């Protein structure tokens, strides 16, 4: 879990970002993404299940810690 993230390489797995996730054009992401805001640059590979919205993320995080 992080506040903001910028991905410009390869990422596989579950990614939880509290505020802004930026996916650069060179990025390849596979997995599950939970974020409040999302910026995907043209050319990025973004093969994910994505949940957006601050309240949903907080609820998911709280459930994960129990």
Protein backbone atom coordinates (compact mmCIF):
# COMPACT_ATOMS: atom_id res chain seq x y z
CA UNK A 1 0.00 0.00 0.00
CA UNK A 2 1.33 3.43 -0.92
CA UNK A 3 0.04 6.99 -1.23
CA UNK A 4 1.06 7.57 -4.88
CA UNK A 5 2.84 5.37 -7.41
CA UNK A 6 4.46 5.68 -10.82
CA UNK A 7 5.04 2.45 -12.76
CA UNK A 8 7.33 2.50 -15.78
CA UNK A 9 8.44 -1.13 -15.85
CA UNK A 10 6.80 -4.52 -15.37
CA UNK A 11 4.54 -5.24 -12.40
CA UNK A 12 2.55 -8.41 -11.65
CA UNK A 13 0.35 -8.81 -8.61
CA UNK A 14 -1.86 -6.71 -6.35
CA UNK A 15 -1.23 -2.96 -6.21
CA UNK A 16 -2.98 -0.69 -3.69
CA UNK A 17 -2.53 3.07 -4.13
CA UNK A 18 -4.41 5.47 -1.85
CA UNK A 19 -4.33 8.45 -4.21
CA UNK A 20 -2.81 8.59 -7.73
CA UNK A 21 -1.44 5.74 -9.83
CA UNK A 22 0.46 6.83 -12.94
CA UNK A 23 1.19 4.16 -15.54
CA UNK A 24 3.91 5.29 -17.95
CA UNK A 25 3.95 4.35 -21.65
CA UNK A 26 6.72 1.78 -21.02
CA UNK A 27 4.79 -0.03 -18.26
CA UNK A 28 3.34 -3.53 -18.36
CA UNK A 29 0.95 -4.27 -15.50
CA UNK A 30 -0.92 -7.53 -14.87
CA UNK A 31 -3.02 -8.19 -11.77
CA UNK A 32 -5.32 -6.29 -9.44
CA UNK A 33 -5.22 -2.52 -8.98
CA UNK A 34 -6.99 -0.53 -6.27
CA UNK A 35 -6.61 3.26 -6.59
CA UNK A 36 -8.48 6.52 -6.15
CA UNK A 37 -7.14 8.21 -9.31
CA UNK A 38 -5.59 6.69 -12.42
CA UNK A 39 -3.47 8.08 -15.26
CA UNK A 40 -2.51 5.60 -18.01
CA UNK A 41 -0.24 6.91 -20.75
CA UNK A 42 -0.71 5.84 -24.36
CA UNK A 43 1.35 2.74 -25.10
CA UNK A 44 1.13 1.22 -21.63
CA UNK A 45 -0.04 -2.38 -21.25
CA UNK A 46 -2.69 -2.39 -18.51
CA UNK A 47 -4.21 -5.88 -18.08
CA UNK A 48 -5.85 -5.60 -14.68
CA UNK A 49 -8.96 -5.81 -12.60
CA UNK A 50 -9.27 -2.23 -11.39
CA UNK A 51 -11.26 -0.81 -8.48
CA UNK A 52 -11.35 2.97 -8.19
CA UNK A 53 -12.70 5.15 -5.41
CA UNK A 54 -11.24 6.20 -2.08
CA UNK A 55 -13.90 4.72 0.19
CA UNK A 56 -13.78 1.33 -1.53
CA UNK A 57 -10.00 1.21 -1.17
CA UNK A 58 -10.17 1.99 2.55
CA UNK A 59 -12.79 -0.71 3.05
CA UNK A 60 -10.69 -3.26 1.16
CA UNK A 61 -7.59 -2.33 3.18
CA UNK A 62 -9.47 -2.62 6.46
CA UNK A 63 -10.77 -6.05 5.45
CA UNK A 64 -7.28 -7.20 4.47
CA UNK A 65 -5.82 -6.29 7.87
CA UNK A 66 -8.43 -8.24 9.84
